[in-house]
Amino acid sequence: MNRLAIFSILSKKLENREIKIVDSIKPESPKTKIMISLLKNLVDSKKPKALLIASSGNKKINQAVSNIKGISAIASKSLNVYDLLKNKNVILEKDAVEEIKNHYAQ
């Protein structure tokens, strides 16, 4: 049931163009200033409410976005309905898409 809800929400967000897929989100260092400049082009600057879904090997994301209001980050295997509904935009790493597919499509 949970998998069905997750895929349903992702499908609806994709239909509404609320999902962006990027090659990689790997800041050189986990600094908030660097992440703000990376996210500036991806998220509406007036209401930045987004969920970053990183691949499991990308550990610096959580630390880099922890001080940015309205932006949260989770690993691809920690995906849940609450976080998807809470955030308007979803930014996915390309590797995270494959991890979600493999983890939840079992």
PDB file of N, CA and C in Angstrom:
ATOM      1  N   MET A   1       0.817  -1.195   0.000  1.00  0.00           N
ATOM      2  CA  MET A   1       0.000   0.000   0.000  1.00  0.00           C
ATOM      3  C   MET A   1       0.862   1.262   0.000  1.00  0.00           C
ATOM      4  N   ASN A   2       1.938   1.247   0.791  1.00  0.00           N
ATOM      5  CA  ASN A   2       2.830   2.394   0.879  1.00  0.00           C
ATOM      6  C   ASN A   2       3.517   2.652  -0.460  1.00  0.00           C
ATOM      7  N   ARG A   3       3.964   1.576  -1.119  1.00  0.00           N
ATOM      8  CA  ARG A   3       4.615   1.730  -2.423  1.00  0.00           C
ATOM      9  C   ARG A   3       3.669   2.348  -3.443  1.00  0.00           C
ATOM     10  N   LEU A   4       2.439   1.892  -3.428  1.00  0.00           N
ATOM     11  CA  LEU A   4       1.441   2.415  -4.356  1.00  0.00           C
ATOM     12  C   LEU A   4       1.217   3.908  -4.126  1.00  0.00           C
ATOM     13  N   ALA A   5       1.148   4.318  -2.879  1.00  0.00           N
ATOM     14  CA  ALA A   5       0.959   5.738  -2.555  1.00  0.00           C
ATOM     15  C   ALA A   5       2.159   6.571  -3.003  1.00  0.00           C
ATOM     16  N   ILE A   6       3.360   6.075  -2.781  1.00  0.00           N
ATOM     17  CA  ILE A   6       4.570   6.797  -3.182  1.00  0.00           C
ATOM     18  C   ILE A   6       4.609   6.973  -4.693  1.00  0.00           C
ATOM     19  N   PHE A   7       4.362   5.897  -5.434  1.00  0.00           N
ATOM     20  CA  PHE A   7       4.392   5.996  -6.899  1.00  0.00           C
ATOM     21  C   PHE A   7       3.250   6.852  -7.436  1.00  0.00           C
ATOM     22  N   SER A   8       2.126   6.836  -6.767  1.00  0.00           N
ATOM     23  CA  SER A   8       1.009   7.668  -7.181  1.00  0.00           C
ATOM     24  C   SER A   8       1.337   9.154  -7.017  1.00  0.00           C
ATOM     25  N   ILE A   9       1.926   9.500  -5.895  1.00  0.00           N
ATOM     26  CA  ILE A   9       2.306  10.898  -5.640  1.00  0.00           C
ATOM     27  C   ILE A   9       3.393  11.341  -6.613  1.00  0.00           C
ATOM     28  N   LEU A  10       4.382  10.482  -6.846  1.00  0.00           N
ATOM     29  CA  LEU A  10       5.441  10.827  -7.789  1.00  0.00           C
ATOM     30  C   LEU A  10       4.882  11.014  -9.200  1.00  0.00           C
ATOM     31  N   SER A  11       3.943  10.179  -9.587  1.00  0.00           N
ATOM     32  CA  SER A  11       3.318  10.309 -10.907  1.00  0.00           C
ATOM     33  C   SER A  11       2.571  11.623 -11.040  1.00  0.00           C
ATOM     34  N   LYS A  12       1.825  11.984 -10.013  1.00  0.00           N
ATOM     35  CA  LYS A  12       1.068  13.241 -10.031  1.00  0.00           C
ATOM     36  C   LYS A  12       2.004  14.449 -10.079  1.00  0.00           C
ATOM     37  N   LYS A  13       3.094  14.394  -9.314  1.00  0.00           N
ATOM     38  CA  LYS A  13       4.060  15.497  -9.321  1.00  0.00           C
ATOM     39  C   LYS A  13       4.753  15.598 -10.677  1.00  0.00           C
ATOM     40  N   LEU A  14       5.021  14.465 -11.305  1.00  0.00           N
ATOM     41  CA  LEU A  14       5.627  14.476 -12.628  1.00  0.00           C
ATOM     42  C   LEU A  14       4.668  15.077 -13.650  1.00  0.00           C
ATOM     43  N   GLU A  15       3.412  14.734 -13.540  1.00  0.00           N
ATOM     44  CA  GLU A  15       2.378  15.283 -14.425  1.00  0.00           C
ATOM     45  C   GLU A  15       2.250  16.797 -14.257  1.00  0.00           C
ATOM     46  N   ASN A  16       2.391  17.281 -13.027  1.00  0.00           N
ATOM     47  CA  ASN A  16       2.286  18.714 -12.736  1.00  0.00           C
ATOM     48  C   ASN A  16       3.608  19.462 -12.889  1.00  0.00           C
ATOM     49  N   ARG A  17       4.627  18.783 -13.376  1.00  0.00           N
ATOM     50  CA  ARG A  17       5.963  19.363 -13.578  1.00  0.00           C
ATOM     51  C   ARG A  17       6.575  19.888 -12.277  1.00  0.00           C
ATOM     52  N   GLU A  18       6.375  19.150 -11.218  1.00  0.00           N
ATOM     53  CA  GLU A  18       6.927  19.517  -9.918  1.00  0.00           C
ATOM     54  C   GLU A  18       8.144  18.668  -9.565  1.00  0.00           C
ATOM     55  N   ILE A  19       8.598  17.840 -10.501  1.00  0.00           N
ATOM     56  CA  ILE A  19       9.784  17.011 -10.301  1.00  0.00           C
ATOM     57  C   ILE A  19      10.856  17.467 -11.270  1.00  0.00           C
ATOM     58  N   LYS A  20      12.061  17.623 -10.731  1.00  0.00           N
ATOM     59  CA  LYS A  20      13.221  17.945 -11.563  1.00  0.00           C
ATOM     60  C   LYS A  20      14.269  16.875 -11.303  1.00  0.00           C
ATOM     61  N   ILE A  21      14.865  16.369 -12.372  1.00  0.00           N
ATOM     62  CA  ILE A  21      15.901  15.350 -12.253  1.00  0.00           C
ATOM     63  C   ILE A  21      17.216  15.974 -12.695  1.00  0.00           C
ATOM     64  N   VAL A  22      18.215  15.878 -11.824  1.00  0.00           N
ATOM     65  CA  VAL A  22      19.539  16.429 -12.112  1.00  0.00           C
ATOM     66  C   VAL A  22      20.560  15.300 -12.101  1.00  0.00           C
ATOM     67  N   ASP A  23      21.666  15.517 -12.786  1.00  0.00           N
ATOM     68  CA  ASP A  23      22.701  14.486 -12.835  1.00  0.00           C
ATOM     69  C   ASP A  23      23.252  14.182 -11.446  1.00  0.00           C
ATOM     70  N   SER A  24      23.629  15.232 -10.747  1.00  0.00           N
ATOM     71  CA  SER A  24      24.231  15.031  -9.433  1.00  0.00           C
ATOM     72  C   SER A  24      24.131  16.310  -8.608  1.00  0.00           C
ATOM     73  N   ILE A  25      23.939  16.142  -7.318  1.00  0.00           N
ATOM     74  CA  ILE A  25      23.977  17.263  -6.377  1.00  0.00           C
ATOM     75  C   ILE A  25      25.080  16.930  -5.380  1.00  0.00           C
ATOM     76  N   LYS A  26      26.281  17.268  -5.737  1.00  0.00           N
ATOM     77  CA  LYS A  26      27.421  16.979  -4.868  1.00  0.00           C
ATOM     78  C   LYS A  26      28.212  18.255  -4.640  1.00  0.00           C
ATOM     79  N   PRO A  27      27.895  18.964  -3.568  1.00  0.00           N
ATOM     80  CA  PRO A  27      28.665  20.175  -3.278  1.00  0.00           C
ATOM     81  C   PRO A  27      30.097  19.810  -2.892  1.00  0.00           C
ATOM     82  N   GLU A  28      31.022  20.715  -3.202  1.00  0.00           N
ATOM     83  CA  GLU A  28      32.420  20.481  -2.872  1.00  0.00           C
ATOM     84  C   GLU A  28      32.607  20.327  -1.366  1.00  0.00           C
ATOM     85  N   SER A  29      31.882  21.138  -0.627  1.00  0.00           N
ATOM     86  CA  SER A  29      31.885  21.031   0.827  1.00  0.00           C
ATOM     87  C   SER A  29      30.453  21.270   1.306  1.00  0.00           C
ATOM     88  N   PRO A  30      30.093  20.718   2.445  1.00  0.00           N
ATOM     89  CA  PRO A  30      28.700  20.855   2.915  1.00  0.00           C
ATOM     90  C   PRO A  30      28.412  22.238   3.497  1.00  0.00           C
ATOM     91  N   LYS A  31      28.433  23.249   2.661  1.00  0.00           N
ATOM     92  CA  LYS A  31      28.187  24.628   3.084  1.00  0.00           C
ATOM     93  C   LYS A  31      26.830  25.085   2.577  1.00  0.00           C
ATOM     94  N   THR A  32      26.106  25.786   3.413  1.00  0.00           N
ATOM     95  CA  THR A  32      24.778  26.282   3.065  1.00  0.00           C
ATOM     96  C   THR A  32      24.845  27.258   1.902  1.00  0.00           C
ATOM     97  N   LYS A  33      25.843  28.125   1.891  1.00  0.00           N
ATOM     98  CA  LYS A  33      25.976  29.136   0.838  1.00  0.00           C
ATOM     99  C   LYS A  33      26.131  28.487  -0.535  1.00  0.00           C
ATOM    100  N   ILE A  34      26.894  27.405  -0.599  1.00  0.00           N
ATOM    101  CA  ILE A  34      27.098  26.693  -1.864  1.00  0.00           C
ATOM    102  C   ILE A  34      25.801  26.050  -2.328  1.00  0.00           C
ATOM    103  N   MET A  35      25.049  25.454  -1.405  1.00  0.00           N
ATOM    104  CA  MET A  35      23.785  24.805  -1.764  1.00  0.00           C
ATOM    105  C   MET A  35      22.739  25.822  -2.218  1.00  0.00           C
ATOM    106  N   ILE A  36      22.718  26.988  -1.597  1.00  0.00           N
ATOM    107  CA  ILE A  36      21.768  28.024  -2.010  1.00  0.00           C
ATOM    108  C   ILE A  36      22.029  28.420  -3.461  1.00  0.00           C
ATOM    109  N   SER A  37      23.292  28.571  -3.822  1.00  0.00           N
ATOM    110  CA  SER A  37      23.606  28.942  -5.203  1.00  0.00           C
ATOM    111  C   SER A  37      23.270  27.814  -6.180  1.00  0.00           C
ATOM    112  N   LEU A  38      23.423  26.565  -5.772  1.00  0.00           N
ATOM    113  CA  LEU A  38      23.058  25.431  -6.629  1.00  0.00           C
ATOM    114  C   LEU A  38      21.544  25.329  -6.823  1.00  0.00           C
ATOM    115  N   LEU A  39      20.799  25.604  -5.769  1.00  0.00           N
ATOM    116  CA  LEU A  39      19.344  25.451  -5.811  1.00  0.00           C
ATOM    117  C   LEU A  39      18.623  26.665  -6.401  1.00  0.00           C
ATOM    118  N   LYS A  40      19.327  27.750  -6.566  1.00  0.00           N
ATOM    119  CA  LYS A  40      18.705  28.992  -7.035  1.00  0.00           C
ATOM    120  C   LYS A  40      17.984  28.811  -8.376  1.00  0.00           C
ATOM    121  N   ASN A  41      18.572  28.043  -9.274  1.00  0.00           N
ATOM    122  CA  ASN A  41      17.978  27.840 -10.591  1.00  0.00           C
ATOM    123  C   ASN A  41      16.920  26.740 -10.609  1.00  0.00           C
ATOM    124  N   LEU A  42      16.893  25.910  -9.601  1.00  0.00           N
ATOM    125  CA  LEU A  42      15.974  24.770  -9.589  1.00  0.00           C
ATOM    126  C   LEU A  42      14.660  25.036  -8.870  1.00  0.00           C
ATOM    127  N   VAL A  43      14.669  25.948  -7.916  1.00  0.00           N
ATOM    128  CA  VAL A  43      13.500  26.172  -7.061  1.00  0.00           C
ATOM    129  C   VAL A  43      13.068  27.629  -7.166  1.00  0.00           C
ATOM    130  N   ASP A  44      11.766  27.853  -7.112  1.00  0.00           N
ATOM    131  CA  ASP A  44      11.218  29.209  -7.108  1.00  0.00           C
ATOM    132  C   ASP A  44      11.744  29.944  -5.883  1.00  0.00           C
ATOM    133  N   SER A  45      12.402  31.054  -6.098  1.00  0.00           N
ATOM    134  CA  SER A  45      13.043  31.765  -4.995  1.00  0.00           C
ATOM    135  C   SER A  45      12.055  32.444  -4.051  1.00  0.00           C
ATOM    136  N   LYS A  46      10.812  32.680  -4.492  1.00  0.00           N
ATOM    137  CA  LYS A  46       9.835  33.338  -3.626  1.00  0.00           C
ATOM    138  C   LYS A  46       9.290  32.381  -2.567  1.00  0.00           C
ATOM    139  N   LYS A  47       9.034  31.157  -2.964  1.00  0.00           N
ATOM    140  CA  LYS A  47       8.539  30.142  -2.026  1.00  0.00           C
ATOM    141  C   LYS A  47       9.339  28.861  -2.197  1.00  0.00           C
ATOM    142  N   PRO A  48      10.553  28.834  -1.680  1.00  0.00           N
ATOM    143  CA  PRO A  48      11.391  27.655  -1.879  1.00  0.00           C
ATOM    144  C   PRO A  48      10.984  26.494  -0.966  1.00  0.00           C
ATOM    145  N   LYS A  49      10.099  25.671  -1.427  1.00  0.00           N
ATOM    146  CA  LYS A  49       9.666  24.508  -0.669  1.00  0.00           C
ATOM    147  C   LYS A  49       9.989  23.294  -1.532  1.00  0.00           C
ATOM    148  N   ALA A  50      11.081  22.605  -1.204  1.00  0.00           N
ATOM    149  CA  ALA A  50      11.510  21.496  -2.048  1.00  0.00           C
ATOM    150  C   ALA A  50      12.100  20.373  -1.212  1.00  0.00           C
ATOM    151  N   LEU A  51      12.016  19.194  -1.776  1.00  0.00           N
ATOM    152  CA  LEU A  51      12.585  17.991  -1.184  1.00  0.00           C
ATOM    153  C   LEU A  51      13.676  17.498  -2.108  1.00  0.00           C
ATOM    154  N   LEU A  52      14.884  17.376  -1.592  1.00  0.00           N
ATOM    155  CA  LEU A  52      16.000  16.824  -2.353  1.00  0.00           C
ATOM    156  C   LEU A  52      16.090  15.340  -2.033  1.00  0.00           C
ATOM    157  N   ILE A  53      16.064  14.523  -3.061  1.00  0.00           N
ATOM    158  CA  ILE A  53      16.210  13.086  -2.868  1.00  0.00           C
ATOM    159  C   ILE A  53      17.539  12.692  -3.482  1.00  0.00           C
ATOM    160  N   ALA A  54      18.484  12.358  -2.612  1.00  0.00           N
ATOM    161  CA  ALA A  54      19.838  12.053  -3.047  1.00  0.00           C
ATOM    162  C   ALA A  54      20.057  10.548  -3.090  1.00  0.00           C
ATOM    163  N   SER A  55      21.051  10.144  -3.855  1.00  0.00           N
ATOM    164  CA  SER A  55      21.417   8.735  -3.880  1.00  0.00           C
ATOM    165  C   SER A  55      22.054   8.372  -2.543  1.00  0.00           C
ATOM    166  N   SER A  56      22.113   7.097  -2.257  1.00  0.00           N
ATOM    167  CA  SER A  56      22.574   6.660  -0.935  1.00  0.00           C
ATOM    168  C   SER A  56      24.036   6.994  -0.676  1.00  0.00           C
ATOM    169  N   GLY A  57      24.836   7.196  -1.701  1.00  0.00           N
ATOM    170  CA  GLY A  57      26.242   7.525  -1.520  1.00  0.00           C
ATOM    171  C   GLY A  57      26.498   8.997  -1.237  1.00  0.00           C
ATOM    172  N   ASN A  58      25.493   9.816  -1.343  1.00  0.00           N
ATOM    173  CA  ASN A  58      25.650  11.261  -1.179  1.00  0.00           C
ATOM    174  C   ASN A  58      25.239  11.674   0.235  1.00  0.00           C
ATOM    175  N   LYS A  59      26.191  11.712   1.149  1.00  0.00           N
ATOM    176  CA  LYS A  59      25.907  11.968   2.562  1.00  0.00           C
ATOM    177  C   LYS A  59      25.978  13.450   2.946  1.00  0.00           C
ATOM    178  N   LYS A  60      26.602  14.281   2.129  1.00  0.00           N
ATOM    179  CA  LYS A  60      26.807  15.691   2.486  1.00  0.00           C
ATOM    180  C   LYS A  60      25.568  16.548   2.289  1.00  0.00           C
ATOM    181  N   ILE A  61      24.581  16.047   1.575  1.00  0.00           N
ATOM    182  CA  ILE A  61      23.391  16.838   1.249  1.00  0.00           C
ATOM    183  C   ILE A  61      22.647  17.280   2.507  1.00  0.00           C
ATOM    184  N   ASN A  62      22.396  16.365   3.431  1.00  0.00           N
ATOM    185  CA  ASN A  62      21.639  16.711   4.643  1.00  0.00           C
ATOM    186  C   ASN A  62      22.297  17.843   5.419  1.00  0.00           C
ATOM    187  N   GLN A  63      23.594  17.782   5.552  1.00  0.00           N
ATOM    188  CA  GLN A  63      24.306  18.822   6.295  1.00  0.00           C
ATOM    189  C   GLN A  63      24.277  20.147   5.535  1.00  0.00           C
ATOM    190  N   ALA A  64      24.352  20.088   4.224  1.00  0.00           N
ATOM    191  CA  ALA A  64      24.403  21.313   3.423  1.00  0.00           C
ATOM    192  C   ALA A  64      23.072  22.053   3.399  1.00  0.00           C
ATOM    193  N   VAL A  65      21.940  21.349   3.491  1.00  0.00           N
ATOM    194  CA  VAL A  65      20.637  22.016   3.412  1.00  0.00           C
ATOM    195  C   VAL A  65      19.957  22.190   4.764  1.00  0.00           C
ATOM    196  N   SER A  66      20.600  21.789   5.820  1.00  0.00           N
ATOM    197  CA  SER A  66      19.956  21.828   7.140  1.00  0.00           C
ATOM    198  C   SER A  66      19.565  23.236   7.586  1.00  0.00           C
ATOM    199  N   ASN A  67      20.257  24.264   7.116  1.00  0.00           N
ATOM    200  CA  ASN A  67      19.952  25.643   7.516  1.00  0.00           C
ATOM    201  C   ASN A  67      19.145  26.420   6.484  1.00  0.00           C
ATOM    202  N   ILE A  68      18.725  25.769   5.414  1.00  0.00           N
ATOM    203  CA  ILE A  68      17.958  26.452   4.379  1.00  0.00           C
ATOM    204  C   ILE A  68      16.475  26.234   4.659  1.00  0.00           C
ATOM    205  N   LYS A  69      15.773  27.317   4.897  1.00  0.00           N
ATOM    206  CA  LYS A  69      14.353  27.239   5.224  1.00  0.00           C
ATOM    207  C   LYS A  69      13.550  26.737   4.019  1.00  0.00           C
ATOM    208  N   GLY A  70      12.720  25.741   4.237  1.00  0.00           N
ATOM    209  CA  GLY A  70      11.854  25.218   3.196  1.00  0.00           C
ATOM    210  C   GLY A  70      12.464  24.114   2.357  1.00  0.00           C
ATOM    211  N   ILE A  71      13.737  23.826   2.549  1.00  0.00           N
ATOM    212  CA  ILE A  71      14.404  22.775   1.783  1.00  0.00           C
ATOM    213  C   ILE A  71      14.759  21.638   2.735  1.00  0.00           C
ATOM    214  N   SER A  72      14.402  20.429   2.350  1.00  0.00           N
ATOM    215  CA  SER A  72      14.776  19.263   3.151  1.00  0.00           C
ATOM    216  C   SER A  72      15.370  18.214   2.227  1.00  0.00           C
ATOM    217  N   ALA A  73      16.115  17.285   2.796  1.00  0.00           N
ATOM    218  CA  ALA A  73      16.775  16.259   1.999  1.00  0.00           C
ATOM    219  C   ALA A  73      16.634  14.906   2.673  1.00  0.00           C
ATOM    220  N   ILE A  74      16.428  13.889   1.858  1.00  0.00           N
ATOM    221  CA  ILE A  74      16.378  12.522   2.357  1.00  0.00           C
ATOM    222  C   ILE A  74      17.081  11.608   1.365  1.00  0.00           C
ATOM    223  N   ALA A  75      17.441  10.438   1.839  1.00  0.00           N
ATOM    224  CA  ALA A  75      18.041   9.433   0.958  1.00  0.00           C
ATOM    225  C   ALA A  75      16.937   8.754   0.161  1.00  0.00           C
ATOM    226  N   SER A  76      17.298   8.194  -0.955  1.00  0.00           N
ATOM    227  CA  SER A  76      16.302   7.586  -1.843  1.00  0.00           C
ATOM    228  C   SER A  76      15.581   6.408  -1.191  1.00  0.00           C
ATOM    229  N   LYS A  77      16.237   5.704  -0.304  1.00  0.00           N
ATOM    230  CA  LYS A  77      15.607   4.551   0.348  1.00  0.00           C
ATOM    231  C   LYS A  77      14.775   4.946   1.559  1.00  0.00           C
ATOM    232  N   SER A  78      14.783   6.220   1.918  1.00  0.00           N
ATOM    233  CA  SER A  78      13.986   6.726   3.035  1.00  0.00           C
ATOM    234  C   SER A  78      12.752   7.479   2.566  1.00  0.00           C
ATOM    235  N   LEU A  79      12.427   7.343   1.328  1.00  0.00           N
ATOM    236  CA  LEU A  79      11.305   8.055   0.736  1.00  0.00           C
ATOM    237  C   LEU A  79      10.001   7.687   1.426  1.00  0.00           C
ATOM    238  N   ASN A  80       9.176   8.697   1.715  1.00  0.00           N
ATOM    239  CA  ASN A  80       7.902   8.428   2.380  1.00  0.00           C
ATOM    240  C   ASN A  80       6.836   9.393   1.889  1.00  0.00           C
ATOM    241  N   VAL A  81       5.595   9.027   2.133  1.00  0.00           N
ATOM    242  CA  VAL A  81       4.446   9.787   1.648  1.00  0.00           C
ATOM    243  C   VAL A  81       4.396  11.172   2.280  1.00  0.00           C
ATOM    244  N   TYR A  82       4.670  11.259   3.564  1.00  0.00           N
ATOM    245  CA  TYR A  82       4.587  12.531   4.278  1.00  0.00           C
ATOM    246  C   TYR A  82       5.512  13.579   3.655  1.00  0.00           C
ATOM    247  N   ASP A  83       6.773  13.227   3.431  1.00  0.00           N
ATOM    248  CA  ASP A  83       7.719  14.187   2.859  1.00  0.00           C
ATOM    249  C   ASP A  83       7.334  14.592   1.441  1.00  0.00           C
ATOM    250  N   LEU A  84       6.805  13.653   0.665  1.00  0.00           N
ATOM    251  CA  LEU A  84       6.395  13.975  -0.701  1.00  0.00           C
ATOM    252  C   LEU A  84       5.218  14.941  -0.728  1.00  0.00           C
ATOM    253  N   LEU A  85       4.263  14.765   0.176  1.00  0.00           N
ATOM    254  CA  LEU A  85       3.096  15.640   0.214  1.00  0.00           C
ATOM    255  C   LEU A  85       3.411  16.998   0.834  1.00  0.00           C
ATOM    256  N   LYS A  86       4.336  17.025   1.763  1.00  0.00           N
ATOM    257  CA  LYS A  86       4.690  18.252   2.474  1.00  0.00           C
ATOM    258  C   LYS A  86       5.415  19.259   1.577  1.00  0.00           C
ATOM    259  N   ASN A  87       6.165  18.772   0.609  1.00  0.00           N
ATOM    260  CA  ASN A  87       6.972  19.635  -0.249  1.00  0.00           C
ATOM    261  C   ASN A  87       6.379  19.724  -1.645  1.00  0.00           C
ATOM    262  N   LYS A  88       6.308  20.938  -2.149  1.00  0.00           N
ATOM    263  CA  LYS A  88       5.723  21.153  -3.478  1.00  0.00           C
ATOM    264  C   LYS A  88       6.618  20.592  -4.578  1.00  0.00           C
ATOM    265  N   ASN A  89       7.891  20.904  -4.536  1.00  0.00           N
ATOM    266  CA  ASN A  89       8.826  20.472  -5.577  1.00  0.00           C
ATOM    267  C   ASN A  89       9.701  19.334  -5.080  1.00  0.00           C
ATOM    268  N   VAL A  90      10.074  18.457  -6.003  1.00  0.00           N
ATOM    269  CA  VAL A  90      10.963  17.341  -5.701  1.00  0.00           C
ATOM    270  C   VAL A  90      12.133  17.407  -6.676  1.00  0.00           C
ATOM    271  N   ILE A  91      13.340  17.370  -6.131  1.00  0.00           N
ATOM    272  CA  ILE A  91      14.546  17.363  -6.951  1.00  0.00           C
ATOM    273  C   ILE A  91      15.231  16.024  -6.719  1.00  0.00           C
ATOM    274  N   LEU A  92      15.370  15.265  -7.794  1.00  0.00           N
ATOM    275  CA  LEU A  92      15.941  13.920  -7.728  1.00  0.00           C
ATOM    276  C   LEU A  92      17.294  13.871  -8.418  1.00  0.00           C
ATOM    277  N   GLU A  93      18.229  13.145  -7.818  1.00  0.00           N
ATOM    278  CA  GLU A  93      19.460  12.823  -8.522  1.00  0.00           C
ATOM    279  C   GLU A  93      19.174  11.661  -9.464  1.00  0.00           C
ATOM    280  N   LYS A  94      19.886  11.615 -10.570  1.00  0.00           N
ATOM    281  CA  LYS A  94      19.665  10.566 -11.562  1.00  0.00           C
ATOM    282  C   LYS A  94      19.875   9.173 -10.961  1.00  0.00           C
ATOM    283  N   ASP A  95      20.902   9.017 -10.124  1.00  0.00           N
ATOM    284  CA  ASP A  95      21.159   7.720  -9.480  1.00  0.00           C
ATOM    285  C   ASP A  95      20.057   7.365  -8.490  1.00  0.00           C
ATOM    286  N   ALA A  96      19.447   8.361  -7.879  1.00  0.00           N
ATOM    287  CA  ALA A  96      18.374   8.117  -6.912  1.00  0.00           C
ATOM    288  C   ALA A  96      17.135   7.545  -7.586  1.00  0.00           C
ATOM    289  N   VAL A  97      16.898   7.910  -8.841  1.00  0.00           N
ATOM    290  CA  VAL A  97      15.745   7.378  -9.576  1.00  0.00           C
ATOM    291  C   VAL A  97      15.871   5.863  -9.704  1.00  0.00           C
ATOM    292  N   GLU A  98      17.047   5.396 -10.057  1.00  0.00           N
ATOM    293  CA  GLU A  98      17.274   3.949 -10.171  1.00  0.00           C
ATOM    294  C   GLU A  98      17.157   3.257  -8.824  1.00  0.00           C
ATOM    295  N   GLU A  99      17.681   3.899  -7.772  1.00  0.00           N
ATOM    296  CA  GLU A  99      17.582   3.313  -6.434  1.00  0.00           C
ATOM    297  C   GLU A  99      16.135   3.209  -5.980  1.00  0.00           C
ATOM    298  N   ILE A 100      15.325   4.211  -6.258  1.00  0.00           N
ATOM    299  CA  ILE A 100      13.901   4.181  -5.898  1.00  0.00           C
ATOM    300  C   ILE A 100      13.212   3.055  -6.657  1.00  0.00           C
ATOM    301  N   LYS A 101      13.508   2.962  -7.940  1.00  0.00           N
ATOM    302  CA  LYS A 101      12.901   1.924  -8.767  1.00  0.00           C
ATOM    303  C   LYS A 101      13.255   0.533  -8.238  1.00  0.00           C
ATOM    304  N   ASN A 102      14.521   0.318  -7.913  1.00  0.00           N
ATOM    305  CA  ASN A 102      14.944  -0.997  -7.422  1.00  0.00           C
ATOM    306  C   ASN A 102      14.434  -1.298  -6.017  1.00  0.00           C
ATOM    307  N   HIS A 103      14.388  -0.290  -5.179  1.00  0.00           N
ATOM    308  CA  HIS A 103      14.011  -0.507  -3.772  1.00  0.00           C
ATOM    309  C   HIS A 103      12.487  -0.687  -3.597  1.00  0.00           C
ATOM    310  N   TYR A 104      11.704   0.106  -4.295  1.00  0.00           N
ATOM    311  CA  TYR A 104      10.260   0.098  -4.076  1.00  0.00           C
ATOM    312  C   TYR A 104       9.482  -0.762  -5.067  1.00  0.00           C
ATOM    313  N   ALA A 105      10.088  -1.176  -6.155  1.00  0.00           N
ATOM    314  CA  ALA A 105       9.356  -1.957  -7.147  1.00  0.00           C
ATOM    315  C   ALA A 105       9.453  -3.458  -6.906  1.00  0.00           C
ATOM    316  N   GLN A 106       9.908  -3.865  -5.762  1.00  0.00           N
ATOM    317  CA  GLN A 106      10.047  -5.304  -5.458  1.00  0.00           C
ATOM    318  C   GLN A 106       8.722  -5.941  -5.230  1.00  0.00           C
TER     319      GLN A 106
END
